[in-house]
Amino acid sequence: MPLKTRKLAVVGARSVGKSSLIVRFVEDHFLDSYYPTLENQFGKNINIQNQDYAIEILDTAGQDENSILNEKHIVGVHGYVLVFSITSRQSFETIQHVCNKILNSIGSDDIPMIFVGNKCDLEYQRQVDKQEGEKLAERYKCKYMEISAKDNLNINQTFESLITDIEMMHNPQVIAKGKYERCIIV
């Protein structure tokens, strides 16, 4: 099968671990220190269900309720990883605003997305219950995963799940063949 290119954007508030998530996925190591990102782009080739993909990942600057979405975060993007930290109630509130801005900018709620609660290795600092993340994802009809970039927990699954959702949207016949299932909560 020919190589398919997919562009993903990783969005969320400052300090939630967007860059750490991406670097863990692409380079398989953990960024221990914090350097604010203005914008960065990463690439990785992966294989899912015997299909090769060239994944472009846009690492965005931290957003807040008042941030204006850059056109680069919308044009040509096939799917979104919406990241918050389970240790920050504010980042959980912010990601909902960011999600609404994306949907309003696109003019549709028909875009593959996955909500990600990062830093689940810091359970003792938890401010957002897993059930809250699940309810949020349910409201937007998408998936939710709790991950740890530090411990490499559910990192590959996050991106593979989003790519699978993108394929289901672009190739509905795949659903009929039973290759993919829509819902996953980890």
N, C-alpha and C. Protein backbone atom coordinates (compact mmCIF):
# COMPACT_ATOMS: atom_id res chain seq x y z
N MET A 1 0.84 -1.19 0.00
CA MET A 1 0.00 0.00 0.00
C MET A 1 0.88 1.24 0.00
N PRO A 2 0.48 2.28 -0.70
CA PRO A 2 1.28 3.50 -0.73
C PRO A 2 1.29 4.21 0.63
N LEU A 3 2.35 4.93 0.86
CA LEU A 3 2.51 5.70 2.10
C LEU A 3 1.44 6.79 2.18
N LYS A 4 0.79 6.90 3.34
CA LYS A 4 -0.19 7.96 3.57
C LYS A 4 0.42 8.98 4.52
N THR A 5 0.22 10.26 4.20
CA THR A 5 0.70 11.33 5.07
C THR A 5 -0.46 11.85 5.89
N ARG A 6 -0.24 12.01 7.18
CA ARG A 6 -1.26 12.55 8.08
C ARG A 6 -0.62 13.63 8.95
N LYS A 7 -1.32 14.76 9.06
CA LYS A 7 -0.84 15.88 9.87
C LYS A 7 -1.69 15.98 11.13
N LEU A 8 -1.01 15.99 12.27
CA LEU A 8 -1.67 16.07 13.57
C LEU A 8 -1.20 17.32 14.29
N ALA A 9 -2.07 17.92 15.08
CA ALA A 9 -1.69 19.05 15.93
C ALA A 9 -1.91 18.65 17.38
N VAL A 10 -0.92 18.96 18.21
CA VAL A 10 -1.00 18.70 19.65
C VAL A 10 -1.20 20.05 20.33
N VAL A 11 -2.33 20.20 21.01
CA VAL A 11 -2.70 21.48 21.61
C VAL A 11 -3.00 21.30 23.09
N GLY A 12 -2.91 22.42 23.82
CA GLY A 12 -3.21 22.41 25.25
C GLY A 12 -2.55 23.59 25.93
N ALA A 13 -2.81 23.74 27.22
CA ALA A 13 -2.26 24.84 28.00
C ALA A 13 -0.75 24.68 28.17
N ARG A 14 -0.13 25.72 28.72
CA ARG A 14 1.31 25.66 29.01
C ARG A 14 1.59 24.57 30.06
N SER A 15 2.74 23.95 29.94
CA SER A 15 3.27 23.03 30.96
C SER A 15 2.45 21.76 31.17
N VAL A 16 1.67 21.35 30.18
CA VAL A 16 0.91 20.11 30.34
C VAL A 16 1.66 18.90 29.80
N GLY A 17 2.77 19.15 29.07
CA GLY A 17 3.58 18.05 28.56
C GLY A 17 3.38 17.74 27.09
N LYS A 18 2.97 18.75 26.32
CA LYS A 18 2.77 18.53 24.88
C LYS A 18 4.07 18.12 24.20
N SER A 19 5.12 18.88 24.43
CA SER A 19 6.42 18.56 23.81
C SER A 19 6.97 17.24 24.32
N SER A 20 6.81 16.98 25.61
CA SER A 20 7.29 15.72 26.18
C SER A 20 6.57 14.53 25.56
N LEU A 21 5.27 14.67 25.35
CA LEU A 21 4.49 13.63 24.69
C LEU A 21 5.01 13.36 23.29
N ILE A 22 5.23 14.42 22.53
CA ILE A 22 5.68 14.27 21.14
C ILE A 22 7.09 13.69 21.08
N VAL A 23 7.99 14.22 21.89
CA VAL A 23 9.38 13.74 21.87
C VAL A 23 9.44 12.27 22.32
N ARG A 24 8.61 11.91 23.28
CA ARG A 24 8.57 10.51 23.71
C ARG A 24 8.11 9.62 22.54
N PHE A 25 7.11 10.07 21.80
CA PHE A 25 6.60 9.29 20.68
C PHE A 25 7.61 9.22 19.53
N VAL A 26 8.19 10.36 19.17
CA VAL A 26 9.05 10.43 17.99
C VAL A 26 10.46 9.92 18.28
N GLU A 27 11.04 10.33 19.42
CA GLU A 27 12.44 10.04 19.71
C GLU A 27 12.64 9.05 20.85
N ASP A 28 11.56 8.67 21.51
CA ASP A 28 11.57 7.71 22.61
C ASP A 28 12.49 8.10 23.77
N HIS A 29 12.42 9.37 24.15
CA HIS A 29 13.05 9.77 25.41
C HIS A 29 12.22 10.86 26.05
N PHE A 30 12.47 11.10 27.34
CA PHE A 30 11.66 12.04 28.11
C PHE A 30 12.39 13.36 28.30
N LEU A 31 11.69 14.46 28.01
CA LEU A 31 12.22 15.80 28.27
C LEU A 31 11.93 16.14 29.72
N ASP A 32 13.00 16.19 30.52
CA ASP A 32 12.81 16.40 31.96
C ASP A 32 12.65 17.87 32.33
N SER A 33 13.19 18.76 31.51
CA SER A 33 13.09 20.19 31.84
C SER A 33 12.09 20.88 30.93
N TYR A 34 11.63 22.04 31.38
CA TYR A 34 10.60 22.77 30.65
C TYR A 34 11.20 23.94 29.89
N TYR A 35 10.99 23.94 28.59
CA TYR A 35 11.34 25.07 27.73
C TYR A 35 10.08 25.43 26.95
N PRO A 36 9.53 26.62 27.16
CA PRO A 36 8.30 26.98 26.45
C PRO A 36 8.48 26.87 24.93
N THR A 37 7.50 26.26 24.28
CA THR A 37 7.53 26.06 22.84
C THR A 37 6.81 27.20 22.14
N LEU A 38 7.43 27.75 21.11
CA LEU A 38 6.71 28.70 20.26
C LEU A 38 5.95 27.92 19.21
N GLU A 39 6.63 27.07 18.53
CA GLU A 39 6.02 26.13 17.59
C GLU A 39 7.14 25.25 17.06
N ASN A 40 6.83 23.98 16.88
CA ASN A 40 7.81 23.03 16.42
C ASN A 40 7.11 21.99 15.56
N GLN A 41 7.85 21.34 14.71
CA GLN A 41 7.26 20.30 13.88
C GLN A 41 8.13 19.06 13.95
N PHE A 42 7.49 17.91 14.07
CA PHE A 42 8.17 16.63 14.16
C PHE A 42 7.60 15.69 13.11
N GLY A 43 8.36 14.67 12.79
CA GLY A 43 7.87 13.67 11.85
C GLY A 43 8.27 12.28 12.29
N LYS A 44 7.44 11.31 11.93
CA LYS A 44 7.73 9.91 12.24
C LYS A 44 6.95 9.04 11.28
N ASN A 45 7.59 7.98 10.83
CA ASN A 45 6.91 6.97 10.01
C ASN A 45 6.49 5.82 10.90
N ILE A 46 5.23 5.40 10.75
CA ILE A 46 4.72 4.28 11.54
C ILE A 46 3.89 3.37 10.64
N ASN A 47 3.63 2.17 11.13
CA ASN A 47 2.79 1.21 10.41
C ASN A 47 1.65 0.80 11.33
N ILE A 48 0.42 0.95 10.82
CA ILE A 48 -0.78 0.54 11.55
C ILE A 48 -1.62 -0.31 10.60
N GLN A 49 -2.00 -1.49 11.03
CA GLN A 49 -2.84 -2.38 10.22
C GLN A 49 -2.26 -2.58 8.82
N ASN A 50 -0.94 -2.80 8.75
CA ASN A 50 -0.24 -3.02 7.48
C ASN A 50 -0.28 -1.83 6.53
N GLN A 51 -0.51 -0.65 7.06
CA GLN A 51 -0.49 0.58 6.27
C GLN A 51 0.62 1.47 6.81
N ASP A 52 1.49 1.96 5.93
CA ASP A 52 2.56 2.87 6.33
C ASP A 52 2.05 4.30 6.30
N TYR A 53 2.45 5.05 7.34
CA TYR A 53 2.06 6.46 7.47
C TYR A 53 3.28 7.31 7.73
N ALA A 54 3.31 8.47 7.09
CA ALA A 54 4.27 9.53 7.44
C ALA A 54 3.47 10.52 8.28
N ILE A 55 3.80 10.59 9.56
CA ILE A 55 3.06 11.44 10.48
C ILE A 55 3.82 12.74 10.68
N GLU A 56 3.15 13.85 10.40
CA GLU A 56 3.66 15.19 10.72
C GLU A 56 2.96 15.64 11.98
N ILE A 57 3.73 16.04 12.98
CA ILE A 57 3.13 16.45 14.25
C ILE A 57 3.52 17.90 14.54
N LEU A 58 2.51 18.73 14.69
CA LEU A 58 2.71 20.14 15.00
C LEU A 58 2.65 20.31 16.51
N ASP A 59 3.76 20.75 17.09
CA ASP A 59 3.86 21.03 18.53
C ASP A 59 3.56 22.51 18.71
N THR A 60 2.43 22.83 19.31
CA THR A 60 1.98 24.22 19.40
C THR A 60 2.41 24.87 20.70
N ALA A 61 2.43 26.20 20.70
CA ALA A 61 2.67 26.95 21.94
C ALA A 61 1.49 26.71 22.87
N GLY A 62 1.72 26.86 24.17
CA GLY A 62 0.64 26.70 25.14
C GLY A 62 -0.48 27.69 24.89
N GLN A 63 -1.70 27.20 24.93
CA GLN A 63 -2.86 28.05 24.72
C GLN A 63 -3.54 28.36 26.05
N ASP A 64 -4.35 29.43 26.03
CA ASP A 64 -5.25 29.71 27.14
C ASP A 64 -6.60 30.11 26.56
N GLU A 65 -7.51 30.52 27.44
CA GLU A 65 -8.87 30.84 26.99
C GLU A 65 -8.88 31.97 25.97
N ASN A 66 -7.89 32.86 26.04
CA ASN A 66 -7.87 34.04 25.18
C ASN A 66 -6.97 33.90 23.96
N SER A 67 -6.32 32.77 23.82
CA SER A 67 -5.41 32.57 22.68
C SER A 67 -6.20 32.54 21.38
N ILE A 68 -5.58 33.09 20.36
CA ILE A 68 -6.15 33.02 19.02
C ILE A 68 -5.48 31.86 18.31
N LEU A 69 -6.28 31.01 17.69
CA LEU A 69 -5.72 29.87 16.97
C LEU A 69 -5.01 30.33 15.71
N ASN A 70 -3.80 29.88 15.53
CA ASN A 70 -3.03 30.15 14.34
C ASN A 70 -3.60 29.31 13.19
N GLU A 71 -3.61 29.89 12.01
CA GLU A 71 -4.13 29.18 10.83
C GLU A 71 -3.39 27.86 10.61
N LYS A 72 -2.10 27.81 10.97
CA LYS A 72 -1.32 26.58 10.81
C LYS A 72 -1.89 25.44 11.64
N HIS A 73 -2.61 25.80 12.72
CA HIS A 73 -3.17 24.78 13.60
C HIS A 73 -4.45 24.19 13.03
N ILE A 74 -4.90 24.73 11.90
CA ILE A 74 -6.18 24.29 11.33
C ILE A 74 -6.03 23.77 9.91
N VAL A 75 -5.35 24.53 9.06
CA VAL A 75 -5.25 24.19 7.64
C VAL A 75 -4.45 22.90 7.45
N GLY A 76 -5.06 21.92 6.82
CA GLY A 76 -4.37 20.67 6.50
C GLY A 76 -4.23 19.70 7.64
N VAL A 77 -4.74 20.04 8.82
CA VAL A 77 -4.63 19.15 9.97
C VAL A 77 -5.72 18.08 9.88
N HIS A 78 -5.31 16.83 10.02
CA HIS A 78 -6.25 15.71 9.93
C HIS A 78 -6.85 15.34 11.28
N GLY A 79 -6.15 15.67 12.38
CA GLY A 79 -6.64 15.30 13.71
C GLY A 79 -5.90 16.03 14.81
N TYR A 80 -6.49 16.03 16.00
CA TYR A 80 -5.96 16.78 17.14
C TYR A 80 -5.78 15.90 18.36
N VAL A 81 -4.64 16.10 19.04
CA VAL A 81 -4.42 15.55 20.37
C VAL A 81 -4.59 16.72 21.32
N LEU A 82 -5.63 16.67 22.16
CA LEU A 82 -5.95 17.76 23.09
C LEU A 82 -5.46 17.35 24.47
N VAL A 83 -4.39 18.01 24.94
CA VAL A 83 -3.67 17.58 26.14
C VAL A 83 -3.97 18.49 27.32
N PHE A 84 -4.25 17.87 28.46
CA PHE A 84 -4.28 18.59 29.74
C PHE A 84 -3.49 17.76 30.74
N SER A 85 -3.17 18.36 31.87
CA SER A 85 -2.47 17.63 32.92
C SER A 85 -3.48 17.22 33.98
N ILE A 86 -3.44 15.97 34.40
CA ILE A 86 -4.36 15.54 35.45
C ILE A 86 -4.05 16.24 36.77
N THR A 87 -2.89 16.90 36.85
CA THR A 87 -2.51 17.62 38.07
C THR A 87 -2.91 19.09 38.03
N SER A 88 -3.64 19.50 37.00
CA SER A 88 -4.01 20.91 36.85
C SER A 88 -5.46 21.06 36.40
N ARG A 89 -6.30 21.47 37.34
CA ARG A 89 -7.71 21.73 37.02
C ARG A 89 -7.82 22.80 35.94
N GLN A 90 -6.96 23.83 36.03
CA GLN A 90 -7.01 24.93 35.06
C GLN A 90 -6.73 24.43 33.64
N SER A 91 -5.78 23.52 33.48
CA SER A 91 -5.48 23.00 32.13
C SER A 91 -6.66 22.20 31.58
N PHE A 92 -7.41 21.56 32.47
CA PHE A 92 -8.60 20.81 32.06
C PHE A 92 -9.69 21.76 31.56
N GLU A 93 -9.86 22.88 32.26
CA GLU A 93 -10.84 23.89 31.83
C GLU A 93 -10.39 24.52 30.51
N THR A 94 -9.10 24.80 30.40
CA THR A 94 -8.56 25.44 29.20
C THR A 94 -8.74 24.57 27.96
N ILE A 95 -8.52 23.27 28.09
CA ILE A 95 -8.58 22.41 26.90
C ILE A 95 -9.99 22.39 26.31
N GLN A 96 -10.99 22.60 27.15
CA GLN A 96 -12.36 22.66 26.64
C GLN A 96 -12.56 23.91 25.78
N HIS A 97 -11.98 25.04 26.22
CA HIS A 97 -12.05 26.28 25.42
C HIS A 97 -11.30 26.10 24.11
N VAL A 98 -10.12 25.49 24.18
CA VAL A 98 -9.31 25.27 22.98
C VAL A 98 -10.06 24.38 21.99
N CYS A 99 -10.67 23.33 22.50
CA CYS A 99 -11.44 22.42 21.64
C CYS A 99 -12.58 23.17 20.94
N ASN A 100 -13.30 23.99 21.69
CA ASN A 100 -14.40 24.76 21.09
C ASN A 100 -13.90 25.72 20.03
N LYS A 101 -12.73 26.33 20.26
CA LYS A 101 -12.15 27.24 19.26
C LYS A 101 -11.81 26.48 17.98
N ILE A 102 -11.26 25.31 18.12
CA ILE A 102 -10.92 24.49 16.95
C ILE A 102 -12.19 24.17 16.17
N LEU A 103 -13.19 23.68 16.86
CA LEU A 103 -14.44 23.30 16.20
C LEU A 103 -15.12 24.50 15.54
N ASN A 104 -15.10 25.66 16.21
CA ASN A 104 -15.68 26.87 15.62
C ASN A 104 -14.90 27.32 14.40
N SER A 105 -13.57 27.23 14.46
CA SER A 105 -12.73 27.65 13.33
C SER A 105 -12.93 26.74 12.12
N ILE A 106 -13.08 25.46 12.38
CA ILE A 106 -13.28 24.50 11.30
C ILE A 106 -14.71 24.61 10.76
N GLY A 107 -15.62 24.95 11.65
CA GLY A 107 -17.02 25.05 11.25
C GLY A 107 -17.73 23.71 11.23
N SER A 108 -17.16 22.76 11.96
CA SER A 108 -17.73 21.41 11.98
C SER A 108 -17.25 20.71 13.25
N ASP A 109 -18.04 19.76 13.72
CA ASP A 109 -17.57 18.95 14.84
C ASP A 109 -17.13 17.57 14.36
N ASP A 110 -16.91 17.48 13.06
CA ASP A 110 -16.56 16.22 12.43
C ASP A 110 -15.07 16.16 12.13
N ILE A 111 -14.26 16.24 13.19
CA ILE A 111 -12.80 16.18 13.05
C ILE A 111 -12.29 15.18 14.09
N PRO A 112 -11.42 14.26 13.71
CA PRO A 112 -10.89 13.31 14.68
C PRO A 112 -10.08 14.02 15.77
N MET A 113 -10.40 13.69 17.01
CA MET A 113 -9.72 14.26 18.17
C MET A 113 -9.59 13.18 19.23
N ILE A 114 -8.61 13.38 20.10
CA ILE A 114 -8.50 12.54 21.29
C ILE A 114 -8.08 13.44 22.44
N PHE A 115 -8.79 13.34 23.56
CA PHE A 115 -8.41 14.05 24.77
C PHE A 115 -7.42 13.18 25.53
N VAL A 116 -6.37 13.83 26.05
CA VAL A 116 -5.31 13.11 26.74
C VAL A 116 -5.04 13.77 28.08
N GLY A 117 -5.17 12.98 29.15
CA GLY A 117 -4.80 13.43 30.49
C GLY A 117 -3.38 12.97 30.76
N ASN A 118 -2.43 13.90 30.69
CA ASN A 118 -1.02 13.58 30.87
C ASN A 118 -0.64 13.63 32.35
N LYS A 119 0.52 13.10 32.66
CA LYS A 119 1.13 13.10 33.98
C LYS A 119 0.41 12.16 34.95
N CYS A 120 -0.10 11.04 34.45
CA CYS A 120 -0.78 10.11 35.35
C CYS A 120 0.21 9.40 36.28
N ASP A 121 1.50 9.61 36.06
CA ASP A 121 2.51 9.12 37.01
C ASP A 121 2.49 9.94 38.30
N LEU A 122 1.83 11.10 38.28
CA LEU A 122 1.74 11.97 39.46
C LEU A 122 0.36 11.84 40.10
N GLU A 123 -0.07 10.62 40.31
CA GLU A 123 -1.41 10.33 40.84
C GLU A 123 -1.68 11.08 42.15
N TYR A 124 -0.68 11.20 43.00
CA TYR A 124 -0.85 11.86 44.30
C TYR A 124 -1.13 13.37 44.16
N GLN A 125 -0.90 13.93 42.97
CA GLN A 125 -1.19 15.35 42.72
C GLN A 125 -2.45 15.54 41.86
N ARG A 126 -3.19 14.48 41.64
CA ARG A 126 -4.34 14.50 40.73
C ARG A 126 -5.37 15.54 41.17
N GLN A 127 -5.80 16.37 40.18
CA GLN A 127 -6.88 17.34 40.39
C GLN A 127 -8.06 17.07 39.46
N VAL A 128 -7.87 16.20 38.47
CA VAL A 128 -8.93 15.88 37.51
C VAL A 128 -9.15 14.37 37.54
N ASP A 129 -10.36 13.96 37.92
CA ASP A 129 -10.69 12.53 37.98
C ASP A 129 -10.77 11.94 36.57
N LYS A 130 -10.45 10.67 36.48
CA LYS A 130 -10.53 9.98 35.19
C LYS A 130 -11.94 10.07 34.61
N GLN A 131 -12.95 9.97 35.47
CA GLN A 131 -14.34 10.03 35.00
C GLN A 131 -14.65 11.38 34.35
N GLU A 132 -14.02 12.45 34.83
CA GLU A 132 -14.24 13.77 34.23
C GLU A 132 -13.68 13.81 32.81
N GLY A 133 -12.51 13.22 32.61
CA GLY A 133 -11.93 13.14 31.28
C GLY A 133 -12.80 12.31 30.35
N GLU A 134 -13.31 11.20 30.87
CA GLU A 134 -14.18 10.33 30.07
C GLU A 134 -15.46 11.04 29.67
N LYS A 135 -16.05 11.80 30.61
CA LYS A 135 -17.29 12.54 30.31
C LYS A 135 -17.03 13.63 29.27
N LEU A 136 -15.89 14.29 29.39
CA LEU A 136 -15.53 15.33 28.42
C LEU A 136 -15.43 14.72 27.02
N ALA A 137 -14.71 13.62 26.92
CA ALA A 137 -14.56 12.96 25.62
C ALA A 137 -15.91 12.50 25.07
N GLU A 138 -16.74 11.99 25.95
CA GLU A 138 -18.07 11.54 25.53
C GLU A 138 -18.89 12.71 24.98
N ARG A 139 -18.77 13.86 25.63
CA ARG A 139 -19.51 15.05 25.18
C ARG A 139 -19.11 15.44 23.76
N TYR A 140 -17.83 15.29 23.43
CA TYR A 140 -17.33 15.65 22.10
C TYR A 140 -17.27 14.45 21.16
N LYS A 141 -17.78 13.32 21.60
CA LYS A 141 -17.83 12.09 20.80
C LYS A 141 -16.44 11.66 20.31
N CYS A 142 -15.49 11.68 21.24
CA CYS A 142 -14.14 11.23 20.88
C CYS A 142 -13.58 10.37 22.02
N LYS A 143 -12.34 10.02 21.89
CA LYS A 143 -11.70 9.12 22.85
C LYS A 143 -10.99 9.91 23.95
N TYR A 144 -10.70 9.18 25.04
CA TYR A 144 -9.93 9.74 26.15
C TYR A 144 -8.93 8.71 26.60
N MET A 145 -7.70 9.17 26.84
CA MET A 145 -6.66 8.31 27.39
C MET A 145 -5.91 9.06 28.48
N GLU A 146 -5.50 8.33 29.49
CA GLU A 146 -4.57 8.89 30.47
C GLU A 146 -3.20 8.33 30.12
N ILE A 147 -2.23 9.23 30.12
CA ILE A 147 -0.89 8.86 29.67
C ILE A 147 0.16 9.39 30.64
N SER A 148 1.36 8.90 30.48
CA SER A 148 2.53 9.45 31.15
C SER A 148 3.67 9.49 30.15
N ALA A 149 4.04 10.70 29.74
CA ALA A 149 5.19 10.84 28.85
C ALA A 149 6.45 10.38 29.58
N LYS A 150 6.50 10.64 30.88
CA LYS A 150 7.67 10.25 31.67
C LYS A 150 7.84 8.73 31.71
N ASP A 151 6.75 8.02 31.97
CA ASP A 151 6.81 6.55 32.09
C ASP A 151 6.52 5.83 30.78
N ASN A 152 6.33 6.58 29.69
CA ASN A 152 6.03 6.01 28.37
C ASN A 152 4.76 5.14 28.41
N LEU A 153 3.74 5.65 29.10
CA LEU A 153 2.48 4.93 29.24
C LEU A 153 1.45 5.45 28.25
N ASN A 154 0.97 4.59 27.38
CA ASN A 154 -0.08 4.89 26.39
C ASN A 154 0.31 5.95 25.36
N ILE A 155 1.59 6.16 25.15
CA ILE A 155 2.04 7.17 24.19
C ILE A 155 1.76 6.71 22.76
N ASN A 156 2.28 5.55 22.38
CA ASN A 156 2.04 5.05 21.02
C ASN A 156 0.55 4.84 20.77
N GLN A 157 -0.16 4.34 21.78
CA GLN A 157 -1.59 4.08 21.63
C GLN A 157 -2.36 5.36 21.32
N THR A 158 -1.93 6.47 21.90
CA THR A 158 -2.61 7.76 21.65
C THR A 158 -2.57 8.09 20.16
N PHE A 159 -1.39 8.06 19.58
CA PHE A 159 -1.24 8.43 18.17
C PHE A 159 -1.86 7.38 17.25
N GLU A 160 -1.68 6.11 17.58
CA GLU A 160 -2.27 5.05 16.75
C GLU A 160 -3.80 5.14 16.76
N SER A 161 -4.37 5.43 17.91
CA SER A 161 -5.82 5.57 18.02
C SER A 161 -6.33 6.73 17.18
N LEU A 162 -5.63 7.85 17.22
CA LEU A 162 -6.05 9.01 16.43
C LEU A 162 -5.93 8.73 14.94
N ILE A 163 -4.84 8.10 14.52
CA ILE A 163 -4.68 7.75 13.11
C ILE A 163 -5.80 6.80 12.67
N THR A 164 -6.15 5.85 13.52
CA THR A 164 -7.24 4.93 13.21
C THR A 164 -8.55 5.70 13.02
N ASP A 165 -8.82 6.67 13.90
CA ASP A 165 -10.03 7.49 13.75
C ASP A 165 -10.02 8.29 12.46
N ILE A 166 -8.86 8.81 12.10
CA ILE A 166 -8.74 9.57 10.85
C ILE A 166 -9.07 8.65 9.67
N GLU A 167 -8.52 7.45 9.70
CA GLU A 167 -8.77 6.50 8.62
C GLU A 167 -10.25 6.14 8.53
N MET A 168 -10.90 5.97 9.67
CA MET A 168 -12.32 5.65 9.66
C MET A 168 -13.13 6.78 9.03
N MET A 169 -12.71 8.02 9.27
CA MET A 169 -13.43 9.15 8.71
C MET A 169 -13.20 9.26 7.21
N HIS A 170 -11.95 9.04 6.78
CA HIS A 170 -11.62 9.19 5.37
C HIS A 170 -11.94 7.95 4.54
N ASN A 171 -12.04 6.81 5.20
CA ASN A 171 -12.29 5.55 4.50
C ASN A 171 -13.37 4.76 5.22
N PRO A 172 -14.63 5.16 5.10
CA PRO A 172 -15.70 4.48 5.83
C PRO A 172 -15.81 2.99 5.50
N GLN A 173 -15.35 2.58 4.34
CA GLN A 173 -15.43 1.17 3.98
C GLN A 173 -14.59 0.31 4.92
N VAL A 174 -13.59 0.91 5.57
CA VAL A 174 -12.76 0.18 6.52
C VAL A 174 -13.62 -0.32 7.68
N ILE A 175 -14.61 0.48 8.08
CA ILE A 175 -15.49 0.09 9.17
C ILE A 175 -16.25 -1.17 8.79
N ALA A 176 -16.76 -1.19 7.58
CA ALA A 176 -17.53 -2.34 7.11
C ALA A 176 -16.70 -3.62 7.13
N LYS A 177 -15.41 -3.49 6.88
CA LYS A 177 -14.54 -4.66 6.88
C LYS A 177 -14.20 -5.10 8.30
N GLY A 178 -14.51 -4.24 9.30
CA GLY A 178 -14.26 -4.60 10.69
C GLY A 178 -12.82 -4.47 11.11
N LYS A 179 -12.04 -3.69 10.39
CA LYS A 179 -10.63 -3.54 10.75
C LYS A 179 -10.44 -2.72 12.01
N TYR A 180 -11.28 -1.71 12.22
CA TYR A 180 -11.11 -0.80 13.34
C TYR A 180 -12.37 -0.75 14.18
N GLU A 181 -12.19 -0.47 15.45
CA GLU A 181 -13.32 -0.21 16.33
C GLU A 181 -13.24 1.24 16.76
N ARG A 182 -14.37 1.87 16.98
CA ARG A 182 -14.44 3.31 17.23
C ARG A 182 -14.06 3.70 18.65
N CYS A 183 -14.51 2.98 19.65
CA CYS A 183 -14.43 3.47 21.02
C CYS A 183 -13.31 2.78 21.79
N ILE A 184 -12.56 3.58 22.53
CA ILE A 184 -11.53 3.03 23.40
C ILE A 184 -11.34 3.97 24.58
N ILE A 185 -11.36 3.44 25.79
CA ILE A 185 -11.03 4.21 26.98
C ILE A 185 -9.99 3.40 27.72
N VAL A 186 -8.82 4.02 27.95
CA VAL A 186 -7.73 3.30 28.59
C VAL A 186 -7.46 3.91 29.94
